[in-house]
Amino acid sequence: MILIRAIIRPDKKDEVLAALSAAGFNAVTVVDVVGRGKQKGIKIGGVVYDEIPKSLLLMAVRAEYKQEIVKVIMEAAKTGEKGAYGDGKIFVSPVSEVYTVSSGMKEL
């Protein structure tokens, strides 16, 4: 299994979730977070906002679905034709063990 973590614009959250669901991937954990990327925040007038709202999507899935899920997220999260700074990042990590809390069973 793998863990896909996608940090996206909060205004794209519903669009990304709908695209994932349409592709058959319904199991997603969503967390509202704040942070900043390479742009070091946003300056509006004389005020610098360095904690920008984002949405964090977490998905533990079989590795065979990685490419499809990453493609769906990238297409749905992109702003406009070419994208823009702040559209987000996707991180993929291996998962060594998964347990179901209710049954105590280890999943494969």
PDB file of N, CA and C in Angstrom:
ATOM      1  N   MET A   1       0.840  -1.190   0.000  1.00  0.00           N
ATOM      2  CA  MET A   1       0.000   0.000   0.000  1.00  0.00           C
ATOM      3  C   MET A   1       0.878   1.243   0.000  1.00  0.00           C
ATOM      4  N   ILE A   2       0.260   2.339  -0.404  1.00  0.00           N
ATOM      5  CA  ILE A   2       0.936   3.629  -0.390  1.00  0.00           C
ATOM      6  C   ILE A   2       0.030   4.663   0.267  1.00  0.00           C
ATOM      7  N   LEU A   3       0.643   5.742   0.716  1.00  0.00           N
ATOM      8  CA  LEU A   3      -0.103   6.868   1.260  1.00  0.00           C
ATOM      9  C   LEU A   3       0.098   8.039   0.315  1.00  0.00           C
ATOM     10  N   ILE A   4      -1.003   8.562  -0.201  1.00  0.00           N
ATOM     11  CA  ILE A   4      -0.960   9.743  -1.051  1.00  0.00           C
ATOM     12  C   ILE A   4      -1.439  10.924  -0.214  1.00  0.00           C
ATOM     13  N   ARG A   5      -0.579  11.943  -0.137  1.00  0.00           N
ATOM     14  CA  ARG A   5      -0.930  13.175   0.565  1.00  0.00           C
ATOM     15  C   ARG A   5      -0.917  14.293  -0.465  1.00  0.00           C
ATOM     16  N   ALA A   6      -2.031  14.952  -0.620  1.00  0.00           N
ATOM     17  CA  ALA A   6      -2.122  16.052  -1.577  1.00  0.00           C
ATOM     18  C   ALA A   6      -2.503  17.326  -0.836  1.00  0.00           C
ATOM     19  N   ILE A   7      -1.677  18.341  -1.008  1.00  0.00           N
ATOM     20  CA  ILE A   7      -1.973  19.653  -0.438  1.00  0.00           C
ATOM     21  C   ILE A   7      -2.457  20.509  -1.599  1.00  0.00           C
ATOM     22  N   ILE A   8      -3.703  20.980  -1.505  1.00  0.00           N
ATOM     23  CA  ILE A   8      -4.323  21.709  -2.607  1.00  0.00           C
ATOM     24  C   ILE A   8      -4.994  22.985  -2.104  1.00  0.00           C
ATOM     25  N   ARG A   9      -5.386  23.818  -3.056  1.00  0.00           N
ATOM     26  CA  ARG A   9      -6.148  25.022  -2.707  1.00  0.00           C
ATOM     27  C   ARG A   9      -7.511  24.600  -2.140  1.00  0.00           C
ATOM     28  N   PRO A  10      -7.979  25.251  -1.076  1.00  0.00           N
ATOM     29  CA  PRO A  10      -9.264  24.863  -0.496  1.00  0.00           C
ATOM     30  C   PRO A  10     -10.439  25.060  -1.455  1.00  0.00           C
ATOM     31  N   ASP A  11     -10.335  26.007  -2.365  1.00  0.00           N
ATOM     32  CA  ASP A  11     -11.428  26.219  -3.315  1.00  0.00           C
ATOM     33  C   ASP A  11     -11.475  25.135  -4.388  1.00  0.00           C
ATOM     34  N   LYS A  12     -10.460  24.286  -4.456  1.00  0.00           N
ATOM     35  CA  LYS A  12     -10.435  23.165  -5.396  1.00  0.00           C
ATOM     36  C   LYS A  12     -10.830  21.844  -4.729  1.00  0.00           C
ATOM     37  N   LYS A  13     -11.022  21.869  -3.421  1.00  0.00           N
ATOM     38  CA  LYS A  13     -11.285  20.642  -2.661  1.00  0.00           C
ATOM     39  C   LYS A  13     -12.501  19.882  -3.193  1.00  0.00           C
ATOM     40  N   ASP A  14     -13.626  20.546  -3.341  1.00  0.00           N
ATOM     41  CA  ASP A  14     -14.849  19.868  -3.802  1.00  0.00           C
ATOM     42  C   ASP A  14     -14.680  19.290  -5.206  1.00  0.00           C
ATOM     43  N   GLU A  15     -14.005  20.038  -6.071  1.00  0.00           N
ATOM     44  CA  GLU A  15     -13.762  19.580  -7.434  1.00  0.00           C
ATOM     45  C   GLU A  15     -12.872  18.323  -7.446  1.00  0.00           C
ATOM     46  N   VAL A  16     -11.827  18.329  -6.630  1.00  0.00           N
ATOM     47  CA  VAL A  16     -10.923  17.175  -6.555  1.00  0.00           C
ATOM     48  C   VAL A  16     -11.651  15.966  -5.968  1.00  0.00           C
ATOM     49  N   LEU A  17     -12.408  16.170  -4.902  1.00  0.00           N
ATOM     50  CA  LEU A  17     -13.147  15.063  -4.284  1.00  0.00           C
ATOM     51  C   LEU A  17     -14.172  14.474  -5.244  1.00  0.00           C
ATOM     52  N   ALA A  18     -14.843  15.331  -6.013  1.00  0.00           N
ATOM     53  CA  ALA A  18     -15.818  14.849  -6.996  1.00  0.00           C
ATOM     54  C   ALA A  18     -15.123  14.042  -8.090  1.00  0.00           C
ATOM     55  N   ALA A  19     -13.963  14.506  -8.538  1.00  0.00           N
ATOM     56  CA  ALA A  19     -13.217  13.791  -9.578  1.00  0.00           C
ATOM     57  C   ALA A  19     -12.723  12.441  -9.069  1.00  0.00           C
ATOM     58  N   LEU A  20     -12.242  12.399  -7.827  1.00  0.00           N
ATOM     59  CA  LEU A  20     -11.801  11.133  -7.240  1.00  0.00           C
ATOM     60  C   LEU A  20     -12.968  10.161  -7.119  1.00  0.00           C
ATOM     61  N   SER A  21     -14.101  10.665  -6.655  1.00  0.00           N
ATOM     62  CA  SER A  21     -15.288   9.825  -6.511  1.00  0.00           C
ATOM     63  C   SER A  21     -15.750   9.288  -7.867  1.00  0.00           C
ATOM     64  N   ALA A  22     -15.754  10.144  -8.890  1.00  0.00           N
ATOM     65  CA  ALA A  22     -16.154   9.721 -10.233  1.00  0.00           C
ATOM     66  C   ALA A  22     -15.226   8.640 -10.781  1.00  0.00           C
ATOM     67  N   ALA A  23     -13.962   8.666 -10.340  1.00  0.00           N
ATOM     68  CA  ALA A  23     -12.987   7.664 -10.777  1.00  0.00           C
ATOM     69  C   ALA A  23     -13.038   6.405  -9.919  1.00  0.00           C
ATOM     70  N   GLY A  24     -13.914   6.395  -8.899  1.00  0.00           N
ATOM     71  CA  GLY A  24     -14.075   5.212  -8.061  1.00  0.00           C
ATOM     72  C   GLY A  24     -13.267   5.212  -6.782  1.00  0.00           C
ATOM     73  N   PHE A  25     -12.686   6.362  -6.430  1.00  0.00           N
ATOM     74  CA  PHE A  25     -11.873   6.456  -5.217  1.00  0.00           C
ATOM     75  C   PHE A  25     -12.595   7.345  -4.211  1.00  0.00           C
ATOM     76  N   ASN A  26     -13.360   6.728  -3.323  1.00  0.00           N
ATOM     77  CA  ASN A  26     -14.195   7.473  -2.382  1.00  0.00           C
ATOM     78  C   ASN A  26     -13.561   7.669  -1.014  1.00  0.00           C
ATOM     79  N   ALA A  27     -12.619   6.821  -0.640  1.00  0.00           N
ATOM     80  CA  ALA A  27     -12.034   6.865   0.700  1.00  0.00           C
ATOM     81  C   ALA A  27     -10.942   7.926   0.778  1.00  0.00           C
ATOM     82  N   VAL A  28     -11.287   9.068   1.359  1.00  0.00           N
ATOM     83  CA  VAL A  28     -10.351  10.186   1.478  1.00  0.00           C
ATOM     84  C   VAL A  28     -10.543  10.836   2.839  1.00  0.00           C
ATOM     85  N   THR A  29      -9.450  11.174   3.490  1.00  0.00           N
ATOM     86  CA  THR A  29      -9.501  11.974   4.709  1.00  0.00           C
ATOM     87  C   THR A  29      -9.101  13.388   4.324  1.00  0.00           C
ATOM     88  N   VAL A  30      -9.886  14.378   4.766  1.00  0.00           N
ATOM     89  CA  VAL A  30      -9.631  15.775   4.424  1.00  0.00           C
ATOM     90  C   VAL A  30      -9.355  16.550   5.705  1.00  0.00           C
ATOM     91  N   VAL A  31      -8.283  17.330   5.681  1.00  0.00           N
ATOM     92  CA  VAL A  31      -7.901  18.147   6.833  1.00  0.00           C
ATOM     93  C   VAL A  31      -7.639  19.567   6.342  1.00  0.00           C
ATOM     94  N   ASP A  32      -8.214  20.552   7.011  1.00  0.00           N
ATOM     95  CA  ASP A  32      -7.907  21.947   6.699  1.00  0.00           C
ATOM     96  C   ASP A  32      -6.603  22.305   7.392  1.00  0.00           C
ATOM     97  N   VAL A  33      -5.646  22.823   6.620  1.00  0.00           N
ATOM     98  CA  VAL A  33      -4.319  23.160   7.143  1.00  0.00           C
ATOM     99  C   VAL A  33      -3.935  24.560   6.682  1.00  0.00           C
ATOM    100  N   VAL A  34      -2.848  25.073   7.213  1.00  0.00           N
ATOM    101  CA  VAL A  34      -2.273  26.327   6.738  1.00  0.00           C
ATOM    102  C   VAL A  34      -0.787  26.107   6.492  1.00  0.00           C
ATOM    103  N   GLY A  35      -0.232  26.886   5.603  1.00  0.00           N
ATOM    104  CA  GLY A  35       1.193  26.765   5.325  1.00  0.00           C
ATOM    105  C   GLY A  35       1.595  27.707   4.218  1.00  0.00           C
ATOM    106  N   ARG A  36       2.817  27.527   3.755  1.00  0.00           N
ATOM    107  CA  ARG A  36       3.303  28.344   2.652  1.00  0.00           C
ATOM    108  C   ARG A  36       4.299  27.524   1.847  1.00  0.00           C
ATOM    109  N   GLY A  37       4.444  27.897   0.598  1.00  0.00           N
ATOM    110  CA  GLY A  37       5.375  27.212  -0.285  1.00  0.00           C
ATOM    111  C   GLY A  37       6.540  28.106  -0.634  1.00  0.00           C
ATOM    112  N   LYS A  38       7.064  27.909  -1.821  1.00  0.00           N
ATOM    113  CA  LYS A  38       8.222  28.663  -2.278  1.00  0.00           C
ATOM    114  C   LYS A  38       7.975  30.169  -2.323  1.00  0.00           C
ATOM    115  N   GLN A  39       6.723  30.548  -2.515  1.00  0.00           N
ATOM    116  CA  GLN A  39       6.417  31.979  -2.640  1.00  0.00           C
ATOM    117  C   GLN A  39       6.476  32.699  -1.296  1.00  0.00           C
ATOM    118  N   LYS A  40       6.668  31.984  -0.203  1.00  0.00           N
ATOM    119  CA  LYS A  40       6.818  32.562   1.140  1.00  0.00           C
ATOM    120  C   LYS A  40       5.608  33.370   1.580  1.00  0.00           C
ATOM    121  N   GLY A  41       4.438  32.984   1.149  1.00  0.00           N
ATOM    122  CA  GLY A  41       3.226  33.688   1.548  1.00  0.00           C
ATOM    123  C   GLY A  41       2.784  34.690   0.494  1.00  0.00           C
ATOM    124  N   ILE A  42       1.839  35.517   0.885  1.00  0.00           N
ATOM    125  CA  ILE A  42       1.280  36.519  -0.021  1.00  0.00           C
ATOM    126  C   ILE A  42       1.380  37.880   0.639  1.00  0.00           C
ATOM    127  N   LYS A  43       1.803  38.895  -0.142  1.00  0.00           N
ATOM    128  CA  LYS A  43       1.862  40.257   0.377  1.00  0.00           C
ATOM    129  C   LYS A  43       0.724  41.051  -0.249  1.00  0.00           C
ATOM    130  N   ILE A  44      -0.150  41.563   0.600  1.00  0.00           N
ATOM    131  CA  ILE A  44      -1.264  42.396   0.151  1.00  0.00           C
ATOM    132  C   ILE A  44      -1.106  43.742   0.850  1.00  0.00           C
ATOM    133  N   GLY A  45      -0.809  44.766   0.051  1.00  0.00           N
ATOM    134  CA  GLY A  45      -0.494  46.063   0.643  1.00  0.00           C
ATOM    135  C   GLY A  45       0.792  45.933   1.435  1.00  0.00           C
ATOM    136  N   GLY A  46       0.764  46.341   2.672  1.00  0.00           N
ATOM    137  CA  GLY A  46       1.940  46.224   3.519  1.00  0.00           C
ATOM    138  C   GLY A  46       1.922  45.008   4.425  1.00  0.00           C
ATOM    139  N   VAL A  47       0.916  44.153   4.268  1.00  0.00           N
ATOM    140  CA  VAL A  47       0.763  43.001   5.149  1.00  0.00           C
ATOM    141  C   VAL A  47       1.176  41.719   4.421  1.00  0.00           C
ATOM    142  N   VAL A  48       2.009  40.909   5.092  1.00  0.00           N
ATOM    143  CA  VAL A  48       2.428  39.624   4.546  1.00  0.00           C
ATOM    144  C   VAL A  48       1.650  38.518   5.255  1.00  0.00           C
ATOM    145  N   TYR A  49       0.970  37.701   4.462  1.00  0.00           N
ATOM    146  CA  TYR A  49       0.247  36.550   4.993  1.00  0.00           C
ATOM    147  C   TYR A  49       1.077  35.314   4.695  1.00  0.00           C
ATOM    148  N   ASP A  50       1.707  34.763   5.735  1.00  0.00           N
ATOM    149  CA  ASP A  50       2.575  33.611   5.500  1.00  0.00           C
ATOM    150  C   ASP A  50       1.944  32.288   5.926  1.00  0.00           C
ATOM    151  N   GLU A  51       0.731  32.330   6.397  1.00  0.00           N
ATOM    152  CA  GLU A  51      -0.026  31.110   6.692  1.00  0.00           C
ATOM    153  C   GLU A  51      -1.250  31.105   5.790  1.00  0.00           C
ATOM    154  N   ILE A  52      -1.107  30.426   4.656  1.00  0.00           N
ATOM    155  CA  ILE A  52      -2.142  30.404   3.636  1.00  0.00           C
ATOM    156  C   ILE A  52      -3.000  29.159   3.816  1.00  0.00           C
ATOM    157  N   PRO A  53      -4.329  29.299   3.812  1.00  0.00           N
ATOM    158  CA  PRO A  53      -5.199  28.126   3.964  1.00  0.00           C
ATOM    159  C   PRO A  53      -5.020  27.143   2.800  1.00  0.00           C
ATOM    160  N   LYS A  54      -4.964  25.874   3.129  1.00  0.00           N
ATOM    161  CA  LYS A  54      -4.881  24.783   2.161  1.00  0.00           C
ATOM    162  C   LYS A  54      -5.735  23.631   2.661  1.00  0.00           C
ATOM    163  N   SER A  55      -5.965  22.658   1.790  1.00  0.00           N
ATOM    164  CA  SER A  55      -6.646  21.420   2.177  1.00  0.00           C
ATOM    165  C   SER A  55      -5.666  20.274   1.971  1.00  0.00           C
ATOM    166  N   LEU A  56      -5.612  19.376   2.944  1.00  0.00           N
ATOM    167  CA  LEU A  56      -4.754  18.202   2.870  1.00  0.00           C
ATOM    168  C   LEU A  56      -5.646  16.979   2.678  1.00  0.00           C
ATOM    169  N   LEU A  57      -5.421  16.259   1.574  1.00  0.00           N
ATOM    170  CA  LEU A  57      -6.149  15.025   1.304  1.00  0.00           C
ATOM    171  C   LEU A  57      -5.229  13.858   1.586  1.00  0.00           C
ATOM    172  N   LEU A  58      -5.726  12.873   2.328  1.00  0.00           N
ATOM    173  CA  LEU A  58      -4.952  11.678   2.665  1.00  0.00           C
ATOM    174  C   LEU A  58      -5.671  10.455   2.130  1.00  0.00           C
ATOM    175  N   MET A  59      -4.920   9.609   1.419  1.00  0.00           N
ATOM    176  CA  MET A  59      -5.509   8.389   0.863  1.00  0.00           C
ATOM    177  C   MET A  59      -4.512   7.244   1.005  1.00  0.00           C
ATOM    178  N   ALA A  60      -4.906   6.183   1.680  1.00  0.00           N
ATOM    179  CA  ALA A  60      -4.104   4.963   1.738  1.00  0.00           C
ATOM    180  C   ALA A  60      -4.715   3.999   0.726  1.00  0.00           C
ATOM    181  N   VAL A  61      -3.940   3.672  -0.315  1.00  0.00           N
ATOM    182  CA  VAL A  61      -4.468   2.873  -1.427  1.00  0.00           C
ATOM    183  C   VAL A  61      -3.442   1.829  -1.866  1.00  0.00           C
ATOM    184  N   ARG A  62      -3.903   0.895  -2.665  1.00  0.00           N
ATOM    185  CA  ARG A  62      -2.988  -0.082  -3.258  1.00  0.00           C
ATOM    186  C   ARG A  62      -2.085   0.634  -4.264  1.00  0.00           C
ATOM    187  N   ALA A  63      -0.846   0.226  -4.290  1.00  0.00           N
ATOM    188  CA  ALA A  63       0.143   0.882  -5.152  1.00  0.00           C
ATOM    189  C   ALA A  63      -0.259   0.881  -6.621  1.00  0.00           C
ATOM    190  N   GLU A  64      -1.026  -0.098  -7.039  1.00  0.00           N
ATOM    191  CA  GLU A  64      -1.426  -0.184  -8.452  1.00  0.00           C
ATOM    192  C   GLU A  64      -2.315   0.973  -8.891  1.00  0.00           C
ATOM    193  N   TYR A  65      -2.927   1.685  -7.939  1.00  0.00           N
ATOM    194  CA  TYR A  65      -3.804   2.809  -8.263  1.00  0.00           C
ATOM    195  C   TYR A  65      -3.081   4.160  -8.243  1.00  0.00           C
ATOM    196  N   LYS A  66      -1.816   4.161  -7.906  1.00  0.00           N
ATOM    197  CA  LYS A  66      -1.063   5.409  -7.721  1.00  0.00           C
ATOM    198  C   LYS A  66      -1.159   6.340  -8.923  1.00  0.00           C
ATOM    199  N   GLN A  67      -0.798   5.874 -10.098  1.00  0.00           N
ATOM    200  CA  GLN A  67      -0.761   6.746 -11.270  1.00  0.00           C
ATOM    201  C   GLN A  67      -2.128   7.351 -11.579  1.00  0.00           C
ATOM    202  N   GLU A  68      -3.172   6.540 -11.484  1.00  0.00           N
ATOM    203  CA  GLU A  68      -4.519   7.027 -11.788  1.00  0.00           C
ATOM    204  C   GLU A  68      -4.951   8.110 -10.799  1.00  0.00           C
ATOM    205  N   ILE A  69      -4.710   7.863  -9.516  1.00  0.00           N
ATOM    206  CA  ILE A  69      -5.109   8.831  -8.490  1.00  0.00           C
ATOM    207  C   ILE A  69      -4.320  10.129  -8.623  1.00  0.00           C
ATOM    208  N   VAL A  70      -3.014  10.029  -8.824  1.00  0.00           N
ATOM    209  CA  VAL A  70      -2.191  11.227  -8.987  1.00  0.00           C
ATOM    210  C   VAL A  70      -2.668  12.033 -10.195  1.00  0.00           C
ATOM    211  N   LYS A  71      -2.984  11.359 -11.288  1.00  0.00           N
ATOM    212  CA  LYS A  71      -3.465  12.042 -12.492  1.00  0.00           C
ATOM    213  C   LYS A  71      -4.784  12.764 -12.223  1.00  0.00           C
ATOM    214  N   VAL A  72      -5.711  12.090 -11.550  1.00  0.00           N
ATOM    215  CA  VAL A  72      -7.014  12.698 -11.237  1.00  0.00           C
ATOM    216  C   VAL A  72      -6.826  13.945 -10.378  1.00  0.00           C
ATOM    217  N   ILE A  73      -6.002  13.847  -9.347  1.00  0.00           N
ATOM    218  CA  ILE A  73      -5.773  14.993  -8.459  1.00  0.00           C
ATOM    219  C   ILE A  73      -5.121  16.135  -9.222  1.00  0.00           C
ATOM    220  N   MET A  74      -4.088  15.830 -10.004  1.00  0.00           N
ATOM    221  CA  MET A  74      -3.375  16.886 -10.737  1.00  0.00           C
ATOM    222  C   MET A  74      -4.298  17.618 -11.706  1.00  0.00           C
ATOM    223  N   GLU A  75      -5.131  16.875 -12.409  1.00  0.00           N
ATOM    224  CA  GLU A  75      -6.040  17.511 -13.373  1.00  0.00           C
ATOM    225  C   GLU A  75      -7.098  18.363 -12.679  1.00  0.00           C
ATOM    226  N   ALA A  76      -7.655  17.857 -11.588  1.00  0.00           N
ATOM    227  CA  ALA A  76      -8.737  18.579 -10.905  1.00  0.00           C
ATOM    228  C   ALA A  76      -8.231  19.739 -10.049  1.00  0.00           C
ATOM    229  N   ALA A  77      -7.005  19.661  -9.555  1.00  0.00           N
ATOM    230  CA  ALA A  77      -6.480  20.690  -8.656  1.00  0.00           C
ATOM    231  C   ALA A  77      -5.812  21.845  -9.396  1.00  0.00           C
ATOM    232  N   LYS A  78      -5.492  21.646 -10.660  1.00  0.00           N
ATOM    233  CA  LYS A  78      -4.780  22.674 -11.418  1.00  0.00           C
ATOM    234  C   LYS A  78      -5.684  23.871 -11.695  1.00  0.00           C
ATOM    235  N   THR A  79      -5.115  25.058 -11.535  1.00  0.00           N
ATOM    236  CA  THR A  79      -5.820  26.297 -11.816  1.00  0.00           C
ATOM    237  C   THR A  79      -5.560  26.695 -13.263  1.00  0.00           C
ATOM    238  N   GLY A  80      -6.618  26.786 -14.055  1.00  0.00           N
ATOM    239  CA  GLY A  80      -6.475  27.190 -15.449  1.00  0.00           C
ATOM    240  C   GLY A  80      -5.781  26.140 -16.294  1.00  0.00           C
ATOM    241  N   GLU A  81      -5.402  26.540 -17.488  1.00  0.00           N
ATOM    242  CA  GLU A  81      -4.774  25.632 -18.450  1.00  0.00           C
ATOM    243  C   GLU A  81      -3.359  25.225 -18.041  1.00  0.00           C
ATOM    244  N   LYS A  82      -2.579  26.203 -17.556  1.00  0.00           N
ATOM    245  CA  LYS A  82      -1.168  25.954 -17.246  1.00  0.00           C
ATOM    246  C   LYS A  82      -0.893  25.755 -15.761  1.00  0.00           C
ATOM    247  N   GLY A  83      -1.867  26.026 -14.916  1.00  0.00           N
ATOM    248  CA  GLY A  83      -1.634  25.956 -13.485  1.00  0.00           C
ATOM    249  C   GLY A  83      -1.027  27.251 -12.972  1.00  0.00           C
ATOM    250  N   ALA A  84      -0.874  27.323 -11.648  1.00  0.00           N
ATOM    251  CA  ALA A  84      -0.333  28.527 -11.026  1.00  0.00           C
ATOM    252  C   ALA A  84       0.383  28.155  -9.735  1.00  0.00           C
ATOM    253  N   TYR A  85       1.277  29.059  -9.297  1.00  0.00           N
ATOM    254  CA  TYR A  85       1.922  28.853  -8.005  1.00  0.00           C
ATOM    255  C   TYR A  85       0.851  28.689  -6.943  1.00  0.00           C
ATOM    256  N   GLY A  86       1.056  27.773  -6.032  1.00  0.00           N
ATOM    257  CA  GLY A  86       0.101  27.555  -4.961  1.00  0.00           C
ATOM    258  C   GLY A  86      -0.956  26.519  -5.258  1.00  0.00           C
ATOM    259  N   ASP A  87      -0.906  25.902  -6.461  1.00  0.00           N
ATOM    260  CA  ASP A  87      -1.889  24.870  -6.789  1.00  0.00           C
ATOM    261  C   ASP A  87      -1.712  23.632  -5.912  1.00  0.00           C
ATOM    262  N   GLY A  88      -0.519  23.416  -5.398  1.00  0.00           N
ATOM    263  CA  GLY A  88      -0.337  22.329  -4.449  1.00  0.00           C
ATOM    264  C   GLY A  88       0.807  21.384  -4.766  1.00  0.00           C
ATOM    265  N   LYS A  89       0.894  20.354  -3.956  1.00  0.00           N
ATOM    266  CA  LYS A  89       1.901  19.296  -4.074  1.00  0.00           C
ATOM    267  C   LYS A  89       1.236  17.969  -3.771  1.00  0.00           C
ATOM    268  N   ILE A  90       1.798  16.910  -4.346  1.00  0.00           N
ATOM    269  CA  ILE A  90       1.344  15.552  -4.059  1.00  0.00           C
ATOM    270  C   ILE A  90       2.553  14.753  -3.593  1.00  0.00           C
ATOM    271  N   PHE A  91       2.419  14.109  -2.457  1.00  0.00           N
ATOM    272  CA  PHE A  91       3.487  13.290  -1.892  1.00  0.00           C
ATOM    273  C   PHE A  91       3.019  11.839  -1.850  1.00  0.00           C
ATOM    274  N   VAL A  92       3.875  10.920  -2.265  1.00  0.00           N
ATOM    275  CA  VAL A  92       3.551   9.496  -2.259  1.00  0.00           C
ATOM    276  C   VAL A  92       4.594   8.780  -1.405  1.00  0.00           C
ATOM    277  N   SER A  93       4.113   8.011  -0.421  1.00  0.00           N
ATOM    278  CA  SER A  93       5.003   7.293   0.497  1.00  0.00           C
ATOM    279  C   SER A  93       4.545   5.847   0.649  1.00  0.00           C
ATOM    280  N   PRO A  94       5.486   4.941   0.879  1.00  0.00           N
ATOM    281  CA  PRO A  94       5.089   3.557   1.138  1.00  0.00           C
ATOM    282  C   PRO A  94       4.446   3.430   2.520  1.00  0.00           C
ATOM    283  N   VAL A  95       3.537   2.482   2.650  1.00  0.00           N
ATOM    284  CA  VAL A  95       2.901   2.173   3.937  1.00  0.00           C
ATOM    285  C   VAL A  95       3.300   0.741   4.282  1.00  0.00           C
ATOM    286  N   SER A  96       3.927   0.552   5.425  1.00  0.00           N
ATOM    287  CA  SER A  96       4.416  -0.785   5.760  1.00  0.00           C
ATOM    288  C   SER A  96       3.358  -1.659   6.434  1.00  0.00           C
ATOM    289  N   GLU A  97       2.443  -1.065   7.180  1.00  0.00           N
ATOM    290  CA  GLU A  97       1.404  -1.851   7.847  1.00  0.00           C
ATOM    291  C   GLU A  97       0.117  -1.048   7.943  1.00  0.00           C
ATOM    292  N   VAL A  98      -1.008  -1.763   7.858  1.00  0.00           N
ATOM    293  CA  VAL A  98      -2.331  -1.155   8.013  1.00  0.00           C
ATOM    294  C   VAL A  98      -3.174  -2.084   8.876  1.00  0.00           C
ATOM    295  N   TYR A  99      -3.848  -1.531   9.869  1.00  0.00           N
ATOM    296  CA  TYR A  99      -4.719  -2.303  10.749  1.00  0.00           C
ATOM    297  C   TYR A  99      -6.117  -1.691  10.740  1.00  0.00           C
ATOM    298  N   THR A 100      -7.134  -2.528  10.812  1.00  0.00           N
ATOM    299  CA  THR A 100      -8.506  -2.077  10.969  1.00  0.00           C
ATOM    300  C   THR A 100      -8.801  -2.054  12.460  1.00  0.00           C
ATOM    301  N   VAL A 101      -9.170  -0.901  12.967  1.00  0.00           N
ATOM    302  CA  VAL A 101      -9.375  -0.718  14.412  1.00  0.00           C
ATOM    303  C   VAL A 101     -10.484  -1.612  14.932  1.00  0.00           C
ATOM    304  N   SER A 102     -11.611  -1.673  14.249  1.00  0.00           N
ATOM    305  CA  SER A 102     -12.762  -2.426  14.774  1.00  0.00           C
ATOM    306  C   SER A 102     -12.480  -3.915  14.908  1.00  0.00           C
ATOM    307  N   SER A 103     -11.763  -4.501  13.950  1.00  0.00           N
ATOM    308  CA  SER A 103     -11.510  -5.944  13.988  1.00  0.00           C
ATOM    309  C   SER A 103     -10.129  -6.296  14.533  1.00  0.00           C
ATOM    310  N   GLY A 104      -9.231  -5.326  14.535  1.00  0.00           N
ATOM    311  CA  GLY A 104      -7.869  -5.592  14.962  1.00  0.00           C
ATOM    312  C   GLY A 104      -7.067  -6.346  13.903  1.00  0.00           C
ATOM    313  N   MET A 105      -7.661  -6.521  12.737  1.00  0.00           N
ATOM    314  CA  MET A 105      -7.011  -7.296  11.689  1.00  0.00           C
ATOM    315  C   MET A 105      -5.983  -6.440  10.936  1.00  0.00           C
ATOM    316  N   LYS A 106      -4.891  -7.105  10.584  1.00  0.00           N
ATOM    317  CA  LYS A 106      -3.888  -6.472   9.751  1.00  0.00           C
ATOM    318  C   LYS A 106      -4.296  -6.668   8.298  1.00  0.00           C
ATOM    319  N   GLU A 107      -4.262  -5.580   7.533  1.00  0.00           N
ATOM    320  CA  GLU A 107      -4.621  -5.669   6.109  1.00  0.00           C
ATOM    321  C   GLU A 107      -3.375  -5.924   5.293  1.00  0.00           C
ATOM    322  N   LEU A 108      -3.581  -6.478   4.129  1.00  0.00           N
ATOM    323  CA  LEU A 108      -2.460  -6.763   3.232  1.00  0.00           C
ATOM    324  C   LEU A 108      -2.183  -5.608   2.311  1.00  0.00           C
TER     325      LEU A 108
END
